[in-house]
């Protein structure tokens, strides 16, 4: 008898629902629907002083069912990092030296050091 390889979602409990954080995923839903439920609970921090960048990235993230926390100043973002865990942090390099300070703070944060970090910039420099 040949063994079939385990798929990405094999190994889920055989009950009809699975608990994921505060959400309950009904296994009768398609995997795609479950994927969007999981994505919607991801926490994202966007750090940028540019209103256009904030608007563009917020819109793009909302299209992925993500609602980012937005900080326009690095000190405020660092305080937020100390209070909350984020799955991803987006840092605008147009903040100059402050962007490096922010990336260092993410790395030093015990609860956020594993967060996915994105550094964004423009070609206008």
PDB file of N, CA and C in Angstrom:
ATOM      1  N   UNK A   1       0.844  -1.165   0.000  1.00  0.00           N
ATOM      2  CA  UNK A   1       0.000   0.000   0.000  1.00  0.00           C
ATOM      3  C   UNK A   1       0.900   1.242   0.000  1.00  0.00           C
ATOM      4  N   UNK A   2       0.701   2.089  -0.992  1.00  0.00           N
ATOM      5  CA  UNK A   2       1.515   3.297  -1.115  1.00  0.00           C
ATOM      6  C   UNK A   2       1.017   4.349  -0.125  1.00  0.00           C
ATOM      7  N   UNK A   3       1.957   5.036   0.497  1.00  0.00           N
ATOM      8  CA  UNK A   3       1.594   6.118   1.417  1.00  0.00           C
ATOM      9  C   UNK A   3       1.452   7.408   0.634  1.00  0.00           C
ATOM     10  N   UNK A   4       0.428   8.115   0.897  1.00  0.00           N
ATOM     11  CA  UNK A   4       0.237   9.387   0.217  1.00  0.00           C
ATOM     12  C   UNK A   4       0.910  10.468   1.053  1.00  0.00           C
ATOM     13  N   UNK A   5       1.600  11.422   0.398  1.00  0.00           N
ATOM     14  CA  UNK A   5       2.264  12.486   1.163  1.00  0.00           C
ATOM     15  C   UNK A   5       1.234  13.376   1.852  1.00  0.00           C
ATOM     16  N   UNK A   6       1.615  13.876   3.014  1.00  0.00           N
ATOM     17  CA  UNK A   6       0.720  14.776   3.737  1.00  0.00           C
ATOM     18  C   UNK A   6       0.612  16.100   3.007  1.00  0.00           C
ATOM     19  N   UNK A   7      -0.588  16.605   2.866  1.00  0.00           N
ATOM     20  CA  UNK A   7      -0.808  17.907   2.257  1.00  0.00           C
ATOM     21  C   UNK A   7      -0.643  19.009   3.287  1.00  0.00           C
ATOM     22  N   UNK A   8      -0.693  20.236   2.845  1.00  0.00           N
ATOM     23  CA  UNK A   8      -0.496  21.385   3.714  1.00  0.00           C
ATOM     24  C   UNK A   8      -1.504  21.418   4.851  1.00  0.00           C
ATOM     25  N   UNK A   9      -2.742  20.979   4.609  1.00  0.00           N
ATOM     26  CA  UNK A   9      -3.785  21.071   5.615  1.00  0.00           C
ATOM     27  C   UNK A   9      -4.146  19.711   6.216  1.00  0.00           C
ATOM     28  N   UNK A  10      -3.400  18.642   5.881  1.00  0.00           N
ATOM     29  CA  UNK A  10      -3.619  17.347   6.516  1.00  0.00           C
ATOM     30  C   UNK A  10      -3.203  17.459   7.973  1.00  0.00           C
ATOM     31  N   UNK A  11      -3.758  16.633   8.789  1.00  0.00           N
ATOM     32  CA  UNK A  11      -3.390  16.663  10.193  1.00  0.00           C
ATOM     33  C   UNK A  11      -4.301  17.549  11.028  1.00  0.00           C
ATOM     34  N   UNK A  12      -5.289  18.199  10.398  1.00  0.00           N
ATOM     35  CA  UNK A  12      -6.259  18.978  11.165  1.00  0.00           C
ATOM     36  C   UNK A  12      -7.133  18.015  11.961  1.00  0.00           C
ATOM     37  N   UNK A  13      -7.596  18.383  13.110  1.00  0.00           N
ATOM     38  CA  UNK A  13      -8.474  17.509  13.883  1.00  0.00           C
ATOM     39  C   UNK A  13      -9.690  17.106  13.054  1.00  0.00           C
ATOM     40  N   UNK A  14     -10.238  15.934  13.361  1.00  0.00           N
ATOM     41  CA  UNK A  14     -11.350  15.427  12.559  1.00  0.00           C
ATOM     42  C   UNK A  14     -12.689  16.067  12.916  1.00  0.00           C
ATOM     43  N   UNK A  15     -12.722  16.893  13.960  1.00  0.00           N
ATOM     44  CA  UNK A  15     -13.971  17.568  14.304  1.00  0.00           C
ATOM     45  C   UNK A  15     -14.355  18.548  13.200  1.00  0.00           C
ATOM     46  N   UNK A  16     -15.564  19.077  13.280  1.00  0.00           N
ATOM     47  CA  UNK A  16     -16.036  19.941  12.205  1.00  0.00           C
ATOM     48  C   UNK A  16     -15.510  21.365  12.302  1.00  0.00           C
ATOM     49  N   UNK A  17     -14.925  21.741  13.455  1.00  0.00           N
ATOM     50  CA  UNK A  17     -14.385  23.087  13.579  1.00  0.00           C
ATOM     51  C   UNK A  17     -12.982  23.034  14.173  1.00  0.00           C
ATOM     52  N   UNK A  18     -12.211  24.056  13.848  1.00  0.00           N
ATOM     53  CA  UNK A  18     -10.853  24.180  14.355  1.00  0.00           C
ATOM     54  C   UNK A  18     -10.739  25.549  15.006  1.00  0.00           C
ATOM     55  N   UNK A  19     -10.175  25.616  16.190  1.00  0.00           N
ATOM     56  CA  UNK A  19      -9.985  26.883  16.896  1.00  0.00           C
ATOM     57  C   UNK A  19      -8.689  27.517  16.416  1.00  0.00           C
ATOM     58  N   UNK A  20      -8.693  28.792  16.019  1.00  0.00           N
ATOM     59  CA  UNK A  20      -7.506  29.518  15.586  1.00  0.00           C
ATOM     60  C   UNK A  20      -7.534  30.854  16.297  1.00  0.00           C
ATOM     61  N   UNK A  21      -6.800  30.977  17.376  1.00  0.00           N
ATOM     62  CA  UNK A  21      -6.836  32.216  18.153  1.00  0.00           C
ATOM     63  C   UNK A  21      -8.247  32.439  18.666  1.00  0.00           C
ATOM     64  N   UNK A  22      -8.808  33.584  18.348  1.00  0.00           N
ATOM     65  CA  UNK A  22     -10.160  33.905  18.769  1.00  0.00           C
ATOM     66  C   UNK A  22     -11.189  33.468  17.730  1.00  0.00           C
ATOM     67  N   UNK A  23     -10.729  32.981  16.558  1.00  0.00           N
ATOM     68  CA  UNK A  23     -11.648  32.611  15.490  1.00  0.00           C
ATOM     69  C   UNK A  23     -11.851  31.106  15.449  1.00  0.00           C
ATOM     70  N   UNK A  24     -12.999  30.695  15.001  1.00  0.00           N
ATOM     71  CA  UNK A  24     -13.283  29.284  14.782  1.00  0.00           C
ATOM     72  C   UNK A  24     -13.461  29.088  13.289  1.00  0.00           C
ATOM     73  N   UNK A  25     -12.717  28.138  12.732  1.00  0.00           N
ATOM     74  CA  UNK A  25     -12.789  27.870  11.297  1.00  0.00           C
ATOM     75  C   UNK A  25     -13.608  26.605  11.089  1.00  0.00           C
ATOM     76  N   UNK A  26     -14.685  26.699  10.335  1.00  0.00           N
ATOM     77  CA  UNK A  26     -15.508  25.553   9.999  1.00  0.00           C
ATOM     78  C   UNK A  26     -14.808  24.791   8.884  1.00  0.00           C
ATOM     79  N   UNK A  27     -14.493  23.503   9.133  1.00  0.00           N
ATOM     80  CA  UNK A  27     -13.746  22.733   8.147  1.00  0.00           C
ATOM     81  C   UNK A  27     -14.532  22.487   6.870  1.00  0.00           C
ATOM     82  N   UNK A  28     -15.837  22.712   6.871  1.00  0.00           N
ATOM     83  CA  UNK A  28     -16.605  22.513   5.657  1.00  0.00           C
ATOM     84  C   UNK A  28     -16.374  23.638   4.658  1.00  0.00           C
ATOM     85  N   UNK A  29     -15.789  24.741   5.114  1.00  0.00           N
ATOM     86  CA  UNK A  29     -15.450  25.831   4.197  1.00  0.00           C
ATOM     87  C   UNK A  29     -14.274  25.413   3.335  1.00  0.00           C
ATOM     88  N   UNK A  30     -14.125  26.069   2.232  1.00  0.00           N
ATOM     89  CA  UNK A  30     -12.981  25.755   1.388  1.00  0.00           C
ATOM     90  C   UNK A  30     -11.701  26.243   2.034  1.00  0.00           C
ATOM     91  N   UNK A  31     -10.583  25.682   1.630  1.00  0.00           N
ATOM     92  CA  UNK A  31      -9.297  26.108   2.168  1.00  0.00           C
ATOM     93  C   UNK A  31      -9.047  27.573   1.872  1.00  0.00           C
ATOM     94  N   UNK A  32      -9.534  28.038   0.741  1.00  0.00           N
ATOM     95  CA  UNK A  32      -9.343  29.443   0.390  1.00  0.00           C
ATOM     96  C   UNK A  32     -10.048  30.364   1.382  1.00  0.00           C
ATOM     97  N   UNK A  33     -11.262  30.012   1.757  1.00  0.00           N
ATOM     98  CA  UNK A  33     -11.988  30.815   2.747  1.00  0.00           C
ATOM     99  C   UNK A  33     -11.261  30.808   4.078  1.00  0.00           C
ATOM    100  N   UNK A  34     -10.769  29.653   4.486  1.00  0.00           N
ATOM    101  CA  UNK A  34     -10.029  29.562   5.747  1.00  0.00           C
ATOM    102  C   UNK A  34      -8.776  30.411   5.688  1.00  0.00           C
ATOM    103  N   UNK A  35      -8.117  30.432   4.532  1.00  0.00           N
ATOM    104  CA  UNK A  35      -6.911  31.243   4.358  1.00  0.00           C
ATOM    105  C   UNK A  35      -7.224  32.719   4.611  1.00  0.00           C
ATOM    106  N   UNK A  36      -8.338  33.209   4.086  1.00  0.00           N
ATOM    107  CA  UNK A  36      -8.692  34.614   4.285  1.00  0.00           C
ATOM    108  C   UNK A  36      -9.066  34.909   5.733  1.00  0.00           C
ATOM    109  N   UNK A  37      -9.671  33.954   6.431  1.00  0.00           N
ATOM    110  CA  UNK A  37      -9.973  34.153   7.843  1.00  0.00           C
ATOM    111  C   UNK A  37      -8.677  34.300   8.617  1.00  0.00           C
ATOM    112  N   UNK A  38      -7.717  33.429   8.358  1.00  0.00           N
ATOM    113  CA  UNK A  38      -6.435  33.489   9.049  1.00  0.00           C
ATOM    114  C   UNK A  38      -5.719  34.790   8.736  1.00  0.00           C
ATOM    115  N   UNK A  39      -5.721  35.203   7.459  1.00  0.00           N
ATOM    116  CA  UNK A  39      -5.045  36.438   7.079  1.00  0.00           C
ATOM    117  C   UNK A  39      -5.676  37.647   7.758  1.00  0.00           C
ATOM    118  N   UNK A  40      -6.974  37.604   7.988  1.00  0.00           N
ATOM    119  CA  UNK A  40      -7.641  38.777   8.542  1.00  0.00           C
ATOM    120  C   UNK A  40      -7.269  39.028   9.997  1.00  0.00           C
ATOM    121  N   UNK A  41      -6.678  38.037  10.658  1.00  0.00           N
ATOM    122  CA  UNK A  41      -6.300  38.262  12.051  1.00  0.00           C
ATOM    123  C   UNK A  41      -4.826  38.625  12.192  1.00  0.00           C
ATOM    124  N   UNK A  42      -4.096  38.734  11.080  1.00  0.00           N
ATOM    125  CA  UNK A  42      -2.695  39.130  11.137  1.00  0.00           C
ATOM    126  C   UNK A  42      -2.608  40.608  11.520  1.00  0.00           C
ATOM    127  N   UNK A  43      -1.621  40.931  12.343  1.00  0.00           N
ATOM    128  CA  UNK A  43      -1.431  42.313  12.788  1.00  0.00           C
ATOM    129  C   UNK A  43      -0.248  42.922  12.049  1.00  0.00           C
ATOM    130  N   UNK A  44      -0.489  44.058  11.414  1.00  0.00           N
ATOM    131  CA  UNK A  44       0.528  44.736  10.616  1.00  0.00           C
ATOM    132  C   UNK A  44       0.705  46.157  11.132  1.00  0.00           C
ATOM    133  N   UNK A  45       1.970  46.569  11.257  1.00  0.00           N
ATOM    134  CA  UNK A  45       2.297  47.944  11.635  1.00  0.00           C
ATOM    135  C   UNK A  45       2.926  48.634  10.438  1.00  0.00           C
ATOM    136  N   UNK A  46       2.400  49.779  10.058  1.00  0.00           N
ATOM    137  CA  UNK A  46       2.923  50.585   8.964  1.00  0.00           C
ATOM    138  C   UNK A  46       3.488  51.867   9.555  1.00  0.00           C
ATOM    139  N   UNK A  47       4.784  52.121   9.301  1.00  0.00           N
ATOM    140  CA  UNK A  47       5.450  53.305   9.841  1.00  0.00           C
ATOM    141  C   UNK A  47       5.891  54.183   8.673  1.00  0.00           C
ATOM    142  N   UNK A  48       5.219  55.308   8.500  1.00  0.00           N
ATOM    143  CA  UNK A  48       5.525  56.242   7.416  1.00  0.00           C
ATOM    144  C   UNK A  48       4.946  57.607   7.758  1.00  0.00           C
ATOM    145  N   UNK A  49       5.654  58.656   7.371  1.00  0.00           N
ATOM    146  CA  UNK A  49       5.158  60.021   7.577  1.00  0.00           C
ATOM    147  C   UNK A  49       4.474  60.555   6.324  1.00  0.00           C
ATOM    148  N   UNK A  50       4.550  59.818   5.228  1.00  0.00           N
ATOM    149  CA  UNK A  50       4.018  60.278   3.951  1.00  0.00           C
ATOM    150  C   UNK A  50       2.556  59.853   3.783  1.00  0.00           C
ATOM    151  N   UNK A  51       1.627  60.803   3.725  1.00  0.00           N
ATOM    152  CA  UNK A  51       0.208  60.460   3.597  1.00  0.00           C
ATOM    153  C   UNK A  51      -0.106  59.609   2.360  1.00  0.00           C
ATOM    154  N   UNK A  52       0.581  59.864   1.256  1.00  0.00           N
ATOM    155  CA  UNK A  52       0.348  59.087   0.042  1.00  0.00           C
ATOM    156  C   UNK A  52       0.765  57.623   0.231  1.00  0.00           C
ATOM    157  N   UNK A  53       1.911  57.412   0.865  1.00  0.00           N
ATOM    158  CA  UNK A  53       2.375  56.052   1.127  1.00  0.00           C
ATOM    159  C   UNK A  53       1.422  55.337   2.071  1.00  0.00           C
ATOM    160  N   UNK A  54       0.985  56.026   3.106  1.00  0.00           N
ATOM    161  CA  UNK A  54       0.040  55.442   4.063  1.00  0.00           C
ATOM    162  C   UNK A  54      -1.247  55.042   3.346  1.00  0.00           C
ATOM    163  N   UNK A  55      -1.757  55.938   2.509  1.00  0.00           N
ATOM    164  CA  UNK A  55      -3.001  55.668   1.779  1.00  0.00           C
ATOM    165  C   UNK A  55      -2.834  54.460   0.848  1.00  0.00           C
ATOM    166  N   UNK A  56      -1.745  54.424   0.073  1.00  0.00           N
ATOM    167  CA  UNK A  56      -1.527  53.340  -0.885  1.00  0.00           C
ATOM    168  C   UNK A  56      -1.359  51.987  -0.198  1.00  0.00           C
ATOM    169  N   UNK A  57      -0.527  51.939   0.849  1.00  0.00           N
ATOM    170  CA  UNK A  57      -0.295  50.667   1.518  1.00  0.00           C
ATOM    171  C   UNK A  57      -1.516  50.230   2.326  1.00  0.00           C
ATOM    172  N   UNK A  58      -2.204  51.157   2.953  1.00  0.00           N
ATOM    173  CA  UNK A  58      -3.419  50.798   3.692  1.00  0.00           C
ATOM    174  C   UNK A  58      -4.458  50.201   2.750  1.00  0.00           C
ATOM    175  N   UNK A  59      -4.617  50.811   1.586  1.00  0.00           N
ATOM    176  CA  UNK A  59      -5.569  50.309   0.593  1.00  0.00           C
ATOM    177  C   UNK A  59      -5.172  48.910   0.124  1.00  0.00           C
ATOM    178  N   UNK A  60      -3.891  48.710  -0.183  1.00  0.00           N
ATOM    179  CA  UNK A  60      -3.420  47.406  -0.648  1.00  0.00           C
ATOM    180  C   UNK A  60      -3.600  46.340   0.437  1.00  0.00           C
ATOM    181  N   UNK A  61      -3.286  46.675   1.672  1.00  0.00           N
ATOM    182  CA  UNK A  61      -3.429  45.715   2.768  1.00  0.00           C
ATOM    183  C   UNK A  61      -4.888  45.396   3.041  1.00  0.00           C
ATOM    184  N   UNK A  62      -5.762  46.395   2.930  1.00  0.00           N
ATOM    185  CA  UNK A  62      -7.190  46.146   3.126  1.00  0.00           C
ATOM    186  C   UNK A  62      -7.728  45.204   2.055  1.00  0.00           C
ATOM    187  N   UNK A  63      -7.137  45.254   0.867  1.00  0.00           N
ATOM    188  CA  UNK A  63      -7.505  44.312  -0.191  1.00  0.00           C
ATOM    189  C   UNK A  63      -7.151  42.881   0.167  1.00  0.00           C
ATOM    190  N   UNK A  64      -6.232  42.708   1.107  1.00  0.00           N
ATOM    191  CA  UNK A  64      -5.851  41.381   1.604  1.00  0.00           C
ATOM    192  C   UNK A  64      -6.521  41.077   2.948  1.00  0.00           C
ATOM    193  N   UNK A  65      -7.539  41.843   3.281  1.00  0.00           N
ATOM    194  CA  UNK A  65      -8.269  41.714   4.547  1.00  0.00           C
ATOM    195  C   UNK A  65      -7.397  42.020   5.756  1.00  0.00           C
ATOM    196  N   UNK A  66      -6.426  42.897   5.588  1.00  0.00           N
ATOM    197  CA  UNK A  66      -5.554  43.315   6.685  1.00  0.00           C
ATOM    198  C   UNK A  66      -5.792  44.789   6.962  1.00  0.00           C
ATOM    199  N   UNK A  67      -5.908  45.135   8.217  1.00  0.00           N
ATOM    200  CA  UNK A  67      -6.094  46.523   8.605  1.00  0.00           C
ATOM    201  C   UNK A  67      -4.883  46.945   9.431  1.00  0.00           C
ATOM    202  N   UNK A  68      -3.949  47.698   8.838  1.00  0.00           N
ATOM    203  CA  UNK A  68      -2.715  48.012   9.557  1.00  0.00           C
ATOM    204  C   UNK A  68      -2.905  49.076  10.635  1.00  0.00           C
ATOM    205  N   UNK A  69      -2.074  48.981  11.670  1.00  0.00           N
ATOM    206  CA  UNK A  69      -1.919  50.086  12.602  1.00  0.00           C
ATOM    207  C   UNK A  69      -0.924  51.023  11.945  1.00  0.00           C
ATOM    208  N   UNK A  70      -1.195  52.313  11.942  1.00  0.00           N
ATOM    209  CA  UNK A  70      -0.332  53.278  11.268  1.00  0.00           C
ATOM    210  C   UNK A  70       0.272  54.232  12.286  1.00  0.00           C
ATOM    211  N   UNK A  71       1.597  54.403  12.204  1.00  0.00           N
ATOM    212  CA  UNK A  71       2.298  55.393  13.016  1.00  0.00           C
ATOM    213  C   UNK A  71       3.068  56.302  12.071  1.00  0.00           C
ATOM    214  N   UNK A  72       2.933  57.616  12.266  1.00  0.00           N
ATOM    215  CA  UNK A  72       3.655  58.562  11.426  1.00  0.00           C
ATOM    216  C   UNK A  72       4.960  59.006  12.062  1.00  0.00           C
ATOM    217  N   UNK A  73       5.177  58.649  13.307  1.00  0.00           N
ATOM    218  CA  UNK A  73       6.413  59.012  13.993  1.00  0.00           C
ATOM    219  C   UNK A  73       7.035  57.769  14.604  1.00  0.00           C
ATOM    220  N   UNK A  74       8.362  57.646  14.488  1.00  0.00           N
ATOM    221  CA  UNK A  74       9.072  56.472  14.980  1.00  0.00           C
ATOM    222  C   UNK A  74       8.932  56.294  16.492  1.00  0.00           C
ATOM    223  N   UNK A  75       9.065  57.345  17.321  1.00  0.00           N
ATOM    224  CA  UNK A  75       8.904  57.115  18.763  1.00  0.00           C
ATOM    225  C   UNK A  75       7.550  56.488  19.127  1.00  0.00           C
ATOM    226  N   UNK A  76       6.487  56.922  18.474  1.00  0.00           N
ATOM    227  CA  UNK A  76       5.161  56.345  18.725  1.00  0.00           C
ATOM    228  C   UNK A  76       5.113  54.883  18.277  1.00  0.00           C
ATOM    229  N   UNK A  77       5.752  54.593  17.147  1.00  0.00           N
ATOM    230  CA  UNK A  77       5.787  53.214  16.641  1.00  0.00           C
ATOM    231  C   UNK A  77       6.565  52.304  17.587  1.00  0.00           C
ATOM    232  N   UNK A  78       7.667  52.806  18.135  1.00  0.00           N
ATOM    233  CA  UNK A  78       8.465  52.009  19.073  1.00  0.00           C
ATOM    234  C   UNK A  78       7.664  51.729  20.348  1.00  0.00           C
ATOM    235  N   UNK A  79       6.921  52.718  20.823  1.00  0.00           N
ATOM    236  CA  UNK A  79       6.071  52.497  22.008  1.00  0.00           C
ATOM    237  C   UNK A  79       5.020  51.420  21.719  1.00  0.00           C
ATOM    238  N   UNK A  80       4.459  51.454  20.516  1.00  0.00           N
ATOM    239  CA  UNK A  80       3.460  50.453  20.135  1.00  0.00           C
ATOM    240  C   UNK A  80       4.091  49.062  20.056  1.00  0.00           C
ATOM    241  N   UNK A  81       5.312  48.979  19.538  1.00  0.00           N
ATOM    242  CA  UNK A  81       6.034  47.703  19.478  1.00  0.00           C
ATOM    243  C   UNK A  81       6.229  47.104  20.867  1.00  0.00           C
ATOM    244  N   UNK A  82       6.402  47.944  21.845  1.00  0.00           N
ATOM    245  CA  UNK A  82       6.618  47.469  23.209  1.00  0.00           C
ATOM    246  C   UNK A  82       5.340  46.927  23.840  1.00  0.00           C
ATOM    247  N   UNK A  83       4.182  47.330  23.306  1.00  0.00           N
ATOM    248  CA  UNK A  83       2.900  46.910  23.876  1.00  0.00           C
ATOM    249  C   UNK A  83       2.216  45.785  23.122  1.00  0.00           C
ATOM    250  N   UNK A  84       2.514  45.636  21.825  1.00  0.00           N
ATOM    251  CA  UNK A  84       1.786  44.668  20.996  1.00  0.00           C
ATOM    252  C   UNK A  84       2.720  43.821  20.170  1.00  0.00           C
ATOM    253  N   UNK A  85       2.248  42.639  19.785  1.00  0.00           N
ATOM    254  CA  UNK A  85       2.986  41.772  18.883  1.00  0.00           C
ATOM    255  C   UNK A  85       2.413  41.948  17.486  1.00  0.00           C
ATOM    256  N   UNK A  86       3.299  42.126  16.519  1.00  0.00           N
ATOM    257  CA  UNK A  86       2.885  42.265  15.128  1.00  0.00           C
ATOM    258  C   UNK A  86       3.432  41.101  14.311  1.00  0.00           C
ATOM    259  N   UNK A  87       2.669  40.706  13.290  1.00  0.00           N
ATOM    260  CA  UNK A  87       3.118  39.663  12.380  1.00  0.00           C
ATOM    261  C   UNK A  87       4.025  40.241  11.304  1.00  0.00           C
ATOM    262  N   UNK A  88       3.815  41.504  10.976  1.00  0.00           N
ATOM    263  CA  UNK A  88       4.626  42.181   9.960  1.00  0.00           C
ATOM    264  C   UNK A  88       4.725  43.661  10.293  1.00  0.00           C
ATOM    265  N   UNK A  89       5.881  44.248   9.942  1.00  0.00           N
ATOM    266  CA  UNK A  89       6.101  45.684  10.132  1.00  0.00           C
ATOM    267  C   UNK A  89       6.640  46.245   8.826  1.00  0.00           C
ATOM    268  N   UNK A  90       6.012  47.301   8.331  1.00  0.00           N
ATOM    269  CA  UNK A  90       6.430  47.976   7.105  1.00  0.00           C
ATOM    270  C   UNK A  90       7.009  49.327   7.502  1.00  0.00           C
ATOM    271  N   UNK A  91       8.279  49.566   7.135  1.00  0.00           N
ATOM    272  CA  UNK A  91       8.969  50.796   7.516  1.00  0.00           C
ATOM    273  C   UNK A  91       9.360  51.567   6.259  1.00  0.00           C
ATOM    274  N   UNK A  92       8.968  52.829   6.201  1.00  0.00           N
ATOM    275  CA  UNK A  92       9.291  53.704   5.077  1.00  0.00           C
ATOM    276  C   UNK A  92      10.708  54.244   5.255  1.00  0.00           C
ATOM    277  N   UNK A  93      11.577  53.968   4.293  1.00  0.00           N
ATOM    278  CA  UNK A  93      12.966  54.426   4.365  1.00  0.00           C
ATOM    279  C   UNK A  93      13.092  55.936   4.206  1.00  0.00           C
ATOM    280  N   UNK A  94      12.027  56.607   3.770  1.00  0.00           N
ATOM    281  CA  UNK A  94      12.063  58.058   3.654  1.00  0.00           C
ATOM    282  C   UNK A  94      12.092  58.742   5.021  1.00  0.00           C
ATOM    283  N   UNK A  95      11.991  57.953   6.080  1.00  0.00           N
ATOM    284  CA  UNK A  95      12.124  58.511   7.429  1.00  0.00           C
ATOM    285  C   UNK A  95      13.585  58.766   7.782  1.00  0.00           C
ATOM    286  N   UNK A  96      14.480  58.438   6.871  1.00  0.00           N
ATOM    287  CA  UNK A  96      15.911  58.693   7.076  1.00  0.00           C
ATOM    288  C   UNK A  96      16.501  57.825   8.173  1.00  0.00           C
ATOM    289  N   UNK A  97      17.317  58.436   9.043  1.00  0.00           N
ATOM    290  CA  UNK A  97      17.971  57.694  10.123  1.00  0.00           C
ATOM    291  C   UNK A  97      16.951  57.057  11.067  1.00  0.00           C
ATOM    292  N   UNK A  98      15.782  57.642  11.162  1.00  0.00           N
ATOM    293  CA  UNK A  98      14.733  57.101  12.029  1.00  0.00           C
ATOM    294  C   UNK A  98      14.273  55.718  11.567  1.00  0.00           C
ATOM    295  N   UNK A  99      14.359  55.456  10.244  1.00  0.00           N
ATOM    296  CA  UNK A  99      13.963  54.133   9.757  1.00  0.00           C
ATOM    297  C   UNK A  99      14.923  53.063  10.287  1.00  0.00           C
ATOM    298  N   UNK A 100      16.205  53.374  10.355  1.00  0.00           N
ATOM    299  CA  UNK A 100      17.177  52.441  10.924  1.00  0.00           C
ATOM    300  C   UNK A 100      16.917  52.205  12.406  1.00  0.00           C
ATOM    301  N   UNK A 101      16.575  53.278  13.105  1.00  0.00           N
ATOM    302  CA  UNK A 101      16.229  53.163  14.523  1.00  0.00           C
ATOM    303  C   UNK A 101      15.021  52.251  14.707  1.00  0.00           C
ATOM    304  N   UNK A 102      14.051  52.381  13.802  1.00  0.00           N
ATOM    305  CA  UNK A 102      12.847  51.555  13.875  1.00  0.00           C
ATOM    306  C   UNK A 102      13.178  50.088  13.622  1.00  0.00           C
ATOM    307  N   UNK A 103      13.972  49.806  12.602  1.00  0.00           N
ATOM    308  CA  UNK A 103      14.348  48.424  12.287  1.00  0.00           C
ATOM    309  C   UNK A 103      15.132  47.802  13.447  1.00  0.00           C
ATOM    310  N   UNK A 104      15.991  48.573  14.085  1.00  0.00           N
ATOM    311  CA  UNK A 104      16.719  48.084  15.262  1.00  0.00           C
ATOM    312  C   UNK A 104      15.755  47.768  16.403  1.00  0.00           C
ATOM    313  N   UNK A 105      14.766  48.623  16.607  1.00  0.00           N
ATOM    314  CA  UNK A 105      13.796  48.407  17.683  1.00  0.00           C
ATOM    315  C   UNK A 105      13.001  47.127  17.452  1.00  0.00           C
ATOM    316  N   UNK A 106      12.666  46.842  16.200  1.00  0.00           N
ATOM    317  CA  UNK A 106      11.942  45.607  15.889  1.00  0.00           C
ATOM    318  C   UNK A 106      12.817  44.406  16.253  1.00  0.00           C
ATOM    319  N   UNK A 107      14.075  44.473  15.872  1.00  0.00           N
ATOM    320  CA  UNK A 107      14.998  43.368  16.135  1.00  0.00           C
ATOM    321  C   UNK A 107      15.206  43.155  17.641  1.00  0.00           C
ATOM    322  N   UNK A 108      15.235  44.220  18.412  1.00  0.00           N
ATOM    323  CA  UNK A 108      15.458  44.131  19.859  1.00  0.00           C
ATOM    324  C   UNK A 108      14.195  43.743  20.637  1.00  0.00           C
ATOM    325  N   UNK A 109      13.049  43.903  20.032  1.00  0.00           N
ATOM    326  CA  UNK A 109      11.788  43.618  20.713  1.00  0.00           C
ATOM    327  C   UNK A 109      11.605  42.107  20.886  1.00  0.00           C
ATOM    328  N   UNK A 110      11.520  41.622  22.133  1.00  0.00           N
ATOM    329  CA  UNK A 110      11.367  40.180  22.344  1.00  0.00           C
ATOM    330  C   UNK A 110      10.133  39.599  21.649  1.00  0.00           C
ATOM    331  N   UNK A 111       9.039  40.332  21.630  1.00  0.00           N
ATOM    332  CA  UNK A 111       7.813  39.790  21.030  1.00  0.00           C
ATOM    333  C   UNK A 111       7.704  40.055  19.536  1.00  0.00           C
ATOM    334  N   UNK A 112       8.544  40.927  18.989  1.00  0.00           N
ATOM    335  CA  UNK A 112       8.427  41.262  17.568  1.00  0.00           C
ATOM    336  C   UNK A 112       9.662  40.910  16.742  1.00  0.00           C
ATOM    337  N   UNK A 113      10.657  40.318  17.353  1.00  0.00           N
ATOM    338  CA  UNK A 113      11.882  40.046  16.603  1.00  0.00           C
ATOM    339  C   UNK A 113      11.667  39.059  15.462  1.00  0.00           C
ATOM    340  N   UNK A 114      10.589  38.270  15.509  1.00  0.00           N
ATOM    341  CA  UNK A 114      10.301  37.338  14.419  1.00  0.00           C
ATOM    342  C   UNK A 114       9.301  37.911  13.413  1.00  0.00           C
ATOM    343  N   UNK A 115       8.872  39.146  13.625  1.00  0.00           N
ATOM    344  CA  UNK A 115       7.934  39.768  12.678  1.00  0.00           C
ATOM    345  C   UNK A 115       8.617  39.930  11.323  1.00  0.00           C
ATOM    346  N   UNK A 116       7.850  39.739  10.279  1.00  0.00           N
ATOM    347  CA  UNK A 116       8.362  39.973   8.932  1.00  0.00           C
ATOM    348  C   UNK A 116       8.538  41.474   8.771  1.00  0.00           C
ATOM    349  N   UNK A 117       9.720  41.891   8.289  1.00  0.00           N
ATOM    350  CA  UNK A 117      10.005  43.319   8.142  1.00  0.00           C
ATOM    351  C   UNK A 117      10.113  43.681   6.668  1.00  0.00           C
ATOM    352  N   UNK A 118       9.454  44.752   6.297  1.00  0.00           N
ATOM    353  CA  UNK A 118       9.522  45.276   4.938  1.00  0.00           C
ATOM    354  C   UNK A 118      10.038  46.699   5.013  1.00  0.00           C
ATOM    355  N   UNK A 119      11.042  47.009   4.220  1.00  0.00           N
ATOM    356  CA  UNK A 119      11.532  48.378   4.117  1.00  0.00           C
ATOM    357  C   UNK A 119      11.133  48.875   2.732  1.00  0.00           C
ATOM    358  N   UNK A 120      10.444  49.994   2.687  1.00  0.00           N
ATOM    359  CA  UNK A 120       9.954  50.531   1.427  1.00  0.00           C
ATOM    360  C   UNK A 120      10.610  51.888   1.166  1.00  0.00           C
ATOM    361  N   UNK A 121      10.742  52.246  -0.077  1.00  0.00           N
ATOM    362  CA  UNK A 121      11.320  53.527  -0.445  1.00  0.00           C
ATOM    363  C   UNK A 121      10.834  53.932  -1.819  1.00  0.00           C
ATOM    364  N   UNK A 122      11.367  55.042  -2.296  1.00  0.00           N
ATOM    365  CA  UNK A 122      10.975  55.507  -3.627  1.00  0.00           C
ATOM    366  C   UNK A 122      12.221  55.722  -4.458  1.00  0.00           C
ATOM    367  N   UNK A 123      12.016  55.883  -5.740  1.00  0.00           N
ATOM    368  CA  UNK A 123      13.123  56.143  -6.650  1.00  0.00           C
ATOM    369  C   UNK A 123      13.464  57.633  -6.728  1.00  0.00           C
ATOM    370  N   UNK A 124      12.775  58.442  -5.948  1.00  0.00           N
ATOM    371  CA  UNK A 124      12.977  59.896  -5.976  1.00  0.00           C
ATOM    372  C   UNK A 124      14.238  60.338  -5.258  1.00  0.00           C
ATOM    373  N   UNK A 125      14.866  59.426  -4.519  1.00  0.00           N
ATOM    374  CA  UNK A 125      16.032  59.804  -3.713  1.00  0.00           C
ATOM    375  C   UNK A 125      17.219  60.185  -4.572  1.00  0.00           C
TER     376      UNK A 125
END
